[in-house]
Structure formats: structure tokens, C-alpha cells
């Protein structure tokens, strides 16, 4: 006779696999020419008290990783469905700044003759990046108007990850245009004042303009000034704010056309000869000579008290001023023989 008693013994595997040597987080820079990079690490191991069914990873060592944070997960599953995971972060940083090519060299130009600035052009540079350019801006664009002086032009390239590169060059605009003087007077010729050795001379003043601005406009003689006999050069000098100079030059010639003045010229003289000789000494008051400038010479062919023969003799005084103007004074001395023979 048999009797049985039965019961089940169930052994459950509740032990998860063990993953060893799980990598730590990895931080790495992207490539200089690409926006990703190959990342390698030592792979972890998985063991289990029963047995490993699968041991898989979301990414493998040697894979290409993009810029940013990628979570790598290793999953170990044993034969009884127990699971362990190992995770770590792969952070790829874009540390490569954009590259700007074709940055212009410094530029030097002259300003326009009609204005104090000028349009300046150049070939714009190019910007590239291992990832992507987010913005490429410039403080000035080709063909912008630049003032006289030095202006720095800056191109700024920013990539999608905030890396920045700049390109700078100077645009120097030089003012090489001198001022323009209009209505410069022609040479002036005028007679001196009859009462003085000079003359007041006037003229219409010229004007000075400049593509930038006139700093000073001066003259060494003003209209209405007193000019001496002779030739005086008048110079107007215009200087702009950048040191460029123009001049207007003309001559003022004052001529002395006034002859000397002889005063006290004697009247003609009639006198009787000496009873003992056929002549006589004749006196008179000598005249005076004056001039608006100055007397150079005042001469006479006879002097008071000279002996004159019978007959009529002309006495002439000649005054010559320093500029060659001549005045004469003449009178007759008549000696009469009224003595009868003895």
C-alpha cells in the first residue's frame, strides 16, 4: 500500500548581474574640422550567479558623438531576466572658434574733393566653422561713407555654441585737398597821394572754402591799408583743419607820379650893367623845392650873385625827386648897357 505526499520547492534567481568597471563621465572637445568626435573608453564587464543572457550598450566605444551630452547605457540581463544597468555621460564641447578668411588689410584713401568723407569698398571676408555659423556681423559694410581720420572696422563671427572670432582692419581717410580761394584780386597799380609818399589801397576780399573746414584765413595786408611807393606783395593764406594750405598772391604797386613843387621862383630880372664893365653881379632870393616823397637833387645853372653879361640869360632851377619826377623853374636875367661911351 502506497501513500504519497508532494510539495514544490521553487528556487528564484533574484540576483541581478554585476557590471564592473563602468566608465566615468567623459568630457572631450569636438574636432577642429567637424562638429563631432570619436570617443573611446574601456568597456565594462558583466557577470551573473546564473548566467548572462545579453549585455548590450546604447553606444559603443569608438562611436562618433555630436556636440552636447549623450548618455551611454550598458544593460546586462541574466538568464532569469534580472537586469542591471551602467550609465555615464559623454559630453562633447565645441571649443573651436569660427575661422575668418580674407580679412582685408588696412586701407588708406583720400577724402573726396567735394566733401570731408568718402565711400570706401573692400572684399568682404568669409566665416566658416566646424559646426555652424550663427551670426557674422560687421560694424561697417563695404561702400559705407567714412569720415576723415582712422576708423576700425570689426567683423565678428559667432558659431552656434557661442564661440567668437573677430577680424579687424583700419580705414584711414586722409584730407589731401587744400582750401579753394575764389575771387583773388589781380595786381593793382595806383598813384601815390600828391601830399604823401604812399596811398590807401582797397580791393574786394577773396573767399576761402574747403571740403572739410577752413581753420584760418589770414592776410598780411588789409583793404584800406596804407601802401608805400613801390611794389608790395599781398598774400592771403587759407589753412584747413587738417593743415592743407592754399595761397592767393597779388602785387600792389604804388607809383609816385607827383613832381616836386618849386616855390618862390623869382620873376624875370632886368638890370643895368656896371658903368665900368659890360656885365654885373645879379642877386635874387633862391627858391625852395619840396616833394611828396623826397627831393633827390635841386640844381641851378646860375646862383644868386653870379656875374651876368649884357643881354638876356635864362636861369633855370631843376628839382628832381627820388623817383625821377622833374619840375623846373625858369626866369630871365636881362642886363642892359645904358652907359654911353666916354
Protein backbone atom coordinates (compact mmCIF):
# COMPACT_ATOMS: atom_id res chain seq x y z
CA UNK A 1 0.00 0.00 0.00
CA UNK A 2 1.41 3.33 -1.05
CA UNK A 3 0.69 6.83 0.00
CA UNK A 4 2.48 9.89 -1.43
CA UNK A 5 2.98 13.43 -0.18
CA UNK A 6 4.21 16.03 -2.70
CA UNK A 7 5.29 19.76 -2.44
CA UNK A 8 7.21 22.10 -4.71
CA UNK A 9 10.50 23.69 -3.94
CA UNK A 10 10.82 26.89 -6.07
CA UNK A 11 14.23 28.49 -6.27
CA UNK A 12 14.04 32.04 -7.58
CA UNK A 13 17.04 33.86 -9.04
CA UNK A 14 16.68 37.40 -7.67
CA UNK A 15 20.30 38.33 -8.03
CA UNK A 16 20.91 40.97 -10.68
CA UNK A 17 24.01 40.82 -12.85
CA UNK A 18 27.07 42.69 -11.64
CA UNK A 19 28.61 45.25 -14.00
CA UNK A 20 32.19 46.17 -13.18
CA UNK A 21 34.45 48.94 -14.44
CA UNK A 22 31.60 51.16 -15.55
CA UNK A 23 33.30 54.22 -17.17
CA UNK A 24 33.13 57.62 -15.51
CA UNK A 25 31.64 60.61 -17.32
CA UNK A 26 33.76 61.70 -20.29
CA UNK A 27 34.26 65.33 -21.43
CA UNK A 28 36.03 65.91 -24.72
CA UNK A 29 36.42 68.66 -27.32
CA UNK A 30 34.94 68.25 -30.76
CA UNK A 31 37.16 68.08 -33.79
CA UNK A 32 38.58 71.25 -35.33
CA UNK A 33 37.09 70.41 -38.70
CA UNK A 34 33.85 68.68 -37.66
CA UNK A 35 31.10 69.15 -35.11
CA UNK A 36 31.58 65.68 -33.58
CA UNK A 37 34.37 63.43 -32.37
CA UNK A 38 35.21 59.75 -31.97
CA UNK A 39 35.11 58.74 -28.29
CA UNK A 40 36.66 55.60 -26.86
CA UNK A 41 36.65 54.03 -23.41
CA UNK A 42 37.41 50.73 -21.70
CA UNK A 43 34.28 48.60 -21.90
CA UNK A 44 32.82 47.31 -18.60
CA UNK A 45 32.26 43.62 -17.80
CA UNK A 46 29.08 41.85 -16.71
CA UNK A 47 28.89 38.68 -14.55
CA UNK A 48 25.98 36.80 -13.00
CA UNK A 49 25.48 33.98 -10.50
CA UNK A 50 23.45 32.12 -13.07
CA UNK A 51 24.49 33.39 -16.43
CA UNK A 52 24.40 36.47 -18.67
CA UNK A 53 21.84 36.31 -21.38
CA UNK A 54 22.61 39.68 -23.02
CA UNK A 55 24.97 42.59 -22.38
CA UNK A 56 24.21 45.49 -24.74
CA UNK A 57 25.12 49.20 -24.96
CA UNK A 58 23.36 52.21 -26.44
CA UNK A 59 26.73 53.39 -27.85
CA UNK A 60 29.96 51.61 -28.40
CA UNK A 61 33.50 52.74 -27.73
CA UNK A 62 34.81 54.32 -30.94
CA UNK A 63 31.42 55.70 -31.97
CA UNK A 64 31.07 59.28 -33.29
CA UNK A 65 29.46 61.62 -30.76
CA UNK A 66 27.89 65.02 -31.55
CA UNK A 67 28.42 68.22 -29.58
CA UNK A 68 26.37 68.07 -26.40
CA UNK A 69 25.73 65.43 -23.71
CA UNK A 70 24.98 61.86 -24.74
CA UNK A 71 24.02 59.28 -22.10
CA UNK A 72 25.64 55.92 -22.73
CA UNK A 73 23.80 52.98 -21.13
CA UNK A 74 25.07 49.43 -20.74
CA UNK A 75 22.31 46.90 -19.95
CA UNK A 76 23.10 43.41 -18.60
CA UNK A 77 20.27 40.83 -18.50
CA UNK A 78 20.78 37.41 -16.94
CA UNK A 79 19.14 34.15 -17.98
CA UNK A 80 16.40 34.71 -15.48
CA UNK A 81 15.52 38.22 -16.62
CA UNK A 82 17.27 40.16 -13.90
CA UNK A 83 18.66 43.45 -15.24
CA UNK A 84 21.49 45.79 -14.27
CA UNK A 85 22.44 48.99 -15.98
CA UNK A 86 25.56 51.13 -16.13
CA UNK A 87 25.27 54.70 -17.35
CA UNK A 88 27.76 57.54 -17.95
CA UNK A 89 27.71 60.79 -19.86
CA UNK A 90 29.79 61.64 -22.90
CA UNK A 91 29.96 65.44 -23.17
CA UNK A 92 31.40 66.82 -26.41
CA UNK A 93 32.26 70.50 -26.19
CA UNK A 94 32.70 72.80 -29.21
CA UNK A 95 35.76 74.83 -28.24
CA UNK A 96 36.72 75.72 -31.81
CA UNK A 97 36.16 79.36 -32.73
CA UNK A 98 34.98 80.24 -36.25
CA UNK A 99 37.63 80.91 -38.87
CA UNK A 100 37.53 84.18 -40.78
CA UNK A 101 39.37 84.19 -44.11
CA UNK A 102 40.11 87.07 -46.45
CA UNK A 103 40.27 89.73 -43.73
CA UNK A 104 41.17 92.98 -45.56
CA UNK A 105 44.43 94.76 -44.87
CA UNK A 106 44.40 98.34 -43.58
CA UNK A 107 43.07 100.80 -46.16
CA UNK A 108 44.25 104.39 -46.72
CA UNK A 109 42.38 106.68 -49.12
CA UNK A 110 41.99 110.40 -49.75
CA UNK A 111 38.73 112.12 -48.98
CA UNK A 112 36.53 113.46 -51.73
CA UNK A 113 37.46 116.87 -53.09
CA UNK A 114 33.86 117.93 -52.57
CA UNK A 115 33.26 116.53 -49.06
CA UNK A 116 35.07 115.61 -45.87
CA UNK A 117 34.40 111.87 -46.28
CA UNK A 118 34.37 109.17 -48.93
CA UNK A 119 32.77 105.83 -49.78
CA UNK A 120 35.23 103.00 -49.16
CA UNK A 121 34.85 99.50 -50.55
CA UNK A 122 36.60 96.18 -49.91
CA UNK A 123 36.06 92.49 -50.50
CA UNK A 124 34.12 91.17 -47.52
CA UNK A 125 35.76 88.27 -45.67
CA UNK A 126 34.18 84.82 -45.19
CA UNK A 127 33.46 82.93 -41.98
CA UNK A 128 33.40 79.15 -41.56
CA UNK A 129 33.05 76.91 -38.50
CA UNK A 130 33.44 73.23 -37.62
CA UNK A 131 29.80 73.26 -36.53
CA UNK A 132 27.81 76.17 -37.95
CA UNK A 133 27.90 79.96 -38.04
CA UNK A 134 25.10 81.56 -36.09
CA UNK A 135 25.91 85.17 -36.95
CA UNK A 136 28.52 87.10 -38.93
CA UNK A 137 28.22 90.84 -38.39
CA UNK A 138 30.32 93.89 -39.13
CA UNK A 139 30.49 97.39 -37.73
CA UNK A 140 30.74 98.75 -41.29
CA UNK A 141 29.82 97.43 -44.70
CA UNK A 142 31.71 97.83 -48.00
CA UNK A 143 30.89 101.17 -49.68
CA UNK A 144 29.94 102.83 -46.42
CA UNK A 145 30.86 106.50 -46.03
CA UNK A 146 33.93 107.05 -43.84
CA UNK A 147 34.97 110.42 -42.32
CA UNK A 148 38.48 111.85 -42.33
CA UNK A 149 40.55 110.02 -39.72
CA UNK A 150 41.04 106.38 -38.79
CA UNK A 151 38.04 104.09 -38.30
CA UNK A 152 38.43 100.49 -37.14
CA UNK A 153 36.19 98.02 -38.97
CA UNK A 154 35.40 94.85 -37.00
CA UNK A 155 33.84 91.65 -38.35
CA UNK A 156 32.54 89.31 -35.63
CA UNK A 157 31.70 85.64 -36.32
CA UNK A 158 29.75 83.68 -33.67
CA UNK A 159 29.07 79.96 -34.01
CA UNK A 160 26.04 78.05 -32.74
CA UNK A 161 27.85 77.27 -29.49
CA UNK A 162 28.88 80.82 -28.70
CA UNK A 163 32.50 80.70 -29.82
CA UNK A 164 33.59 84.06 -31.25
CA UNK A 165 36.24 85.14 -33.75
CA UNK A 166 36.96 88.69 -34.92
CA UNK A 167 38.67 90.30 -37.88
CA UNK A 168 39.77 93.94 -37.63
CA UNK A 169 41.31 96.43 -40.01
CA UNK A 170 41.64 100.21 -40.13
CA UNK A 171 40.20 102.53 -42.75
CA UNK A 172 42.18 105.78 -42.80
CA UNK A 173 40.74 108.68 -44.76
CA UNK A 174 43.23 111.49 -45.37
CA UNK A 175 42.24 115.05 -46.27
CA UNK A 176 44.72 115.99 -49.00
CA UNK A 177 42.51 118.65 -50.60
CA UNK A 178 43.72 122.22 -49.96
CA UNK A 179 41.22 125.06 -49.48
CA UNK A 180 39.87 126.85 -52.54
CA UNK A 181 40.32 130.64 -52.67
CA UNK A 182 37.95 132.39 -55.04
CA UNK A 183 37.95 135.95 -56.41
CA UNK A 184 41.63 136.52 -55.74
CA UNK A 185 42.31 140.15 -56.81
CA UNK A 186 44.56 140.87 -59.75
CA UNK A 187 47.63 143.07 -59.49
CA UNK A 188 46.81 146.68 -58.56
CA UNK A 189 48.67 149.78 -59.79
CA UNK A 190 47.83 153.16 -58.28
CA UNK A 191 49.37 156.65 -57.98
CA UNK A 192 50.56 157.83 -54.60
CA UNK A 193 48.84 160.61 -52.71
CA UNK A 194 50.08 164.01 -54.03
CA UNK A 195 50.69 165.08 -50.45
CA UNK A 196 52.42 161.93 -49.18
CA UNK A 197 54.69 159.17 -50.44
CA UNK A 198 52.08 156.43 -50.07
CA UNK A 199 48.47 155.64 -50.89
CA UNK A 200 45.48 153.95 -49.30
CA UNK A 201 44.61 150.91 -51.43
CA UNK A 202 41.36 148.93 -51.27
CA UNK A 203 40.07 145.80 -53.00
CA UNK A 204 37.29 143.24 -52.77
CA UNK A 205 38.41 140.49 -50.42
CA UNK A 206 38.52 136.90 -51.72
CA UNK A 207 36.74 133.98 -50.05
CA UNK A 208 38.05 130.60 -48.89
CA UNK A 209 36.13 127.32 -48.81
CA UNK A 210 37.22 123.76 -48.08
CA UNK A 211 35.85 120.24 -48.46
CA UNK A 212 36.19 119.87 -44.68
CA UNK A 213 36.50 123.21 -42.94
CA UNK A 214 38.68 126.30 -43.11
CA UNK A 215 40.60 126.75 -39.86
CA UNK A 216 42.22 130.12 -40.61
CA UNK A 217 42.12 132.63 -43.47
CA UNK A 218 44.63 135.42 -42.90
CA UNK A 219 46.22 138.20 -44.93
CA UNK A 220 49.38 140.22 -44.39
CA UNK A 221 47.70 143.46 -45.60
CA UNK A 222 44.08 144.51 -45.34
CA UNK A 223 41.99 146.53 -47.78
CA UNK A 224 42.32 150.19 -46.81
CA UNK A 225 45.88 149.79 -45.57
CA UNK A 226 48.50 152.42 -46.42
CA UNK A 227 50.99 151.22 -49.03
CA UNK A 228 54.33 152.91 -49.74
CA UNK A 229 55.61 153.83 -53.19
CA UNK A 230 56.92 150.66 -54.82
CA UNK A 231 55.59 147.12 -55.17
CA UNK A 232 54.20 145.27 -52.15
CA UNK A 233 53.08 141.64 -52.40
CA UNK A 234 49.80 140.85 -50.63
CA UNK A 235 49.30 137.22 -49.59
CA UNK A 236 46.09 135.58 -48.39
CA UNK A 237 46.69 132.20 -46.71
CA UNK A 238 43.89 129.71 -46.13
CA UNK A 239 44.58 126.71 -43.86
CA UNK A 240 42.03 123.94 -43.35
CA UNK A 241 41.51 121.93 -40.16
CA UNK A 242 43.87 119.22 -41.41
CA UNK A 243 46.77 121.56 -42.24
CA UNK A 244 46.33 121.85 -46.01
CA UNK A 245 47.26 125.33 -47.26
CA UNK A 246 46.33 127.49 -50.25
CA UNK A 247 47.54 131.00 -51.01
CA UNK A 248 46.27 133.93 -53.08
CA UNK A 249 49.00 136.38 -54.07
CA UNK A 250 48.84 139.71 -55.89
CA UNK A 251 51.01 142.82 -56.13
CA UNK A 252 50.06 146.36 -55.11
CA UNK A 253 52.24 148.87 -56.98
CA UNK A 254 52.13 152.50 -55.83
CA UNK A 255 53.69 154.86 -58.36
CA UNK A 256 55.00 158.32 -57.49
CA UNK A 257 53.70 160.44 -60.36
CA UNK A 258 53.76 163.72 -58.43
CA UNK A 259 56.61 166.05 -59.50
CA UNK A 260 58.37 168.28 -56.97
CA UNK A 261 56.90 171.70 -56.15
CA UNK A 262 59.17 174.77 -56.51
CA UNK A 263 58.08 177.79 -54.52
CA UNK A 264 59.41 181.33 -54.57
CA UNK A 265 60.57 181.14 -58.17
CA UNK A 266 61.93 184.68 -58.96
CA UNK A 267 60.33 186.90 -61.56
CA UNK A 268 62.42 187.89 -64.57
CA UNK A 269 65.04 190.48 -63.67
CA UNK A 270 66.12 193.49 -65.75
CA UNK A 271 69.16 195.35 -64.54
CA UNK A 272 71.64 197.95 -65.82
CA UNK A 273 75.22 196.83 -66.40
CA UNK A 274 78.12 198.14 -64.35
CA UNK A 275 79.25 201.52 -65.78
CA UNK A 276 82.82 200.27 -65.70
CA UNK A 277 82.24 196.76 -67.15
CA UNK A 278 79.95 195.17 -69.66
CA UNK A 279 78.33 192.87 -67.01
CA UNK A 280 77.02 192.91 -63.47
CA UNK A 281 76.53 190.61 -60.49
CA UNK A 282 72.84 189.88 -60.07
CA UNK A 283 71.36 188.72 -56.71
CA UNK A 284 67.94 187.09 -56.05
CA UNK A 285 66.17 185.04 -53.42
CA UNK A 286 66.73 181.38 -54.25
CA UNK A 287 63.50 179.31 -54.50
CA UNK A 288 62.70 176.20 -52.41
CA UNK A 289 61.78 172.72 -53.64
CA UNK A 290 59.56 170.22 -51.83
CA UNK A 291 58.14 166.82 -52.80
CA UNK A 292 55.54 164.36 -51.52
CA UNK A 293 58.32 161.77 -51.25
CA UNK A 294 61.75 163.36 -51.17
CA UNK A 295 63.96 165.66 -53.25
CA UNK A 296 66.94 163.89 -54.78
CA UNK A 297 68.55 166.96 -56.38
CA UNK A 298 67.76 170.67 -56.69
CA UNK A 299 70.23 172.39 -59.01
CA UNK A 300 70.50 175.65 -60.95
CA UNK A 301 72.62 176.75 -63.89
CA UNK A 302 73.32 180.05 -62.06
CA UNK A 303 73.48 181.07 -58.45
CA UNK A 304 72.44 184.37 -56.86
CA UNK A 305 75.35 186.87 -57.12
CA UNK A 306 76.73 185.38 -60.32
CA UNK A 307 78.01 187.89 -62.92
CA UNK A 308 75.78 188.18 -65.96
CA UNK A 309 76.80 189.69 -69.32
CA UNK A 310 74.81 192.29 -71.22
CA UNK A 311 71.87 190.58 -72.83
CA UNK A 312 69.23 188.10 -71.65
CA UNK A 313 70.28 184.96 -69.82
CA UNK A 314 67.78 182.29 -68.73
CA UNK A 315 68.23 180.96 -65.24
CA UNK A 316 66.73 177.51 -64.66
CA UNK A 317 66.26 175.64 -61.36
CA UNK A 318 65.64 171.90 -61.74
CA UNK A 319 64.18 169.81 -58.91
CA UNK A 320 64.28 166.01 -59.25
CA UNK A 321 62.63 163.73 -56.69
CA UNK A 322 63.82 160.27 -55.64
CA UNK A 323 61.54 158.62 -58.22
CA UNK A 324 62.75 160.70 -61.17
CA UNK A 325 59.90 163.20 -61.38
CA UNK A 326 61.21 166.64 -62.50
CA UNK A 327 59.99 170.21 -62.08
CA UNK A 328 61.74 173.30 -63.44
CA UNK A 329 61.58 176.96 -62.57
CA UNK A 330 62.95 179.46 -65.12
CA UNK A 331 63.32 183.23 -65.24
CA UNK A 332 65.27 185.66 -67.37
CA UNK A 333 68.07 187.94 -66.25
CA UNK A 334 68.38 190.83 -68.69
CA UNK A 335 71.43 193.08 -68.38
CA UNK A 336 71.07 196.38 -70.29
CA UNK A 337 74.06 198.52 -71.30
CA UNK A 338 72.90 202.10 -70.67
CA UNK A 339 76.36 203.56 -70.27
CA UNK A 340 77.36 205.97 -73.07
CA UNK A 341 80.89 205.90 -74.43
CA UNK A 342 83.40 208.24 -72.82
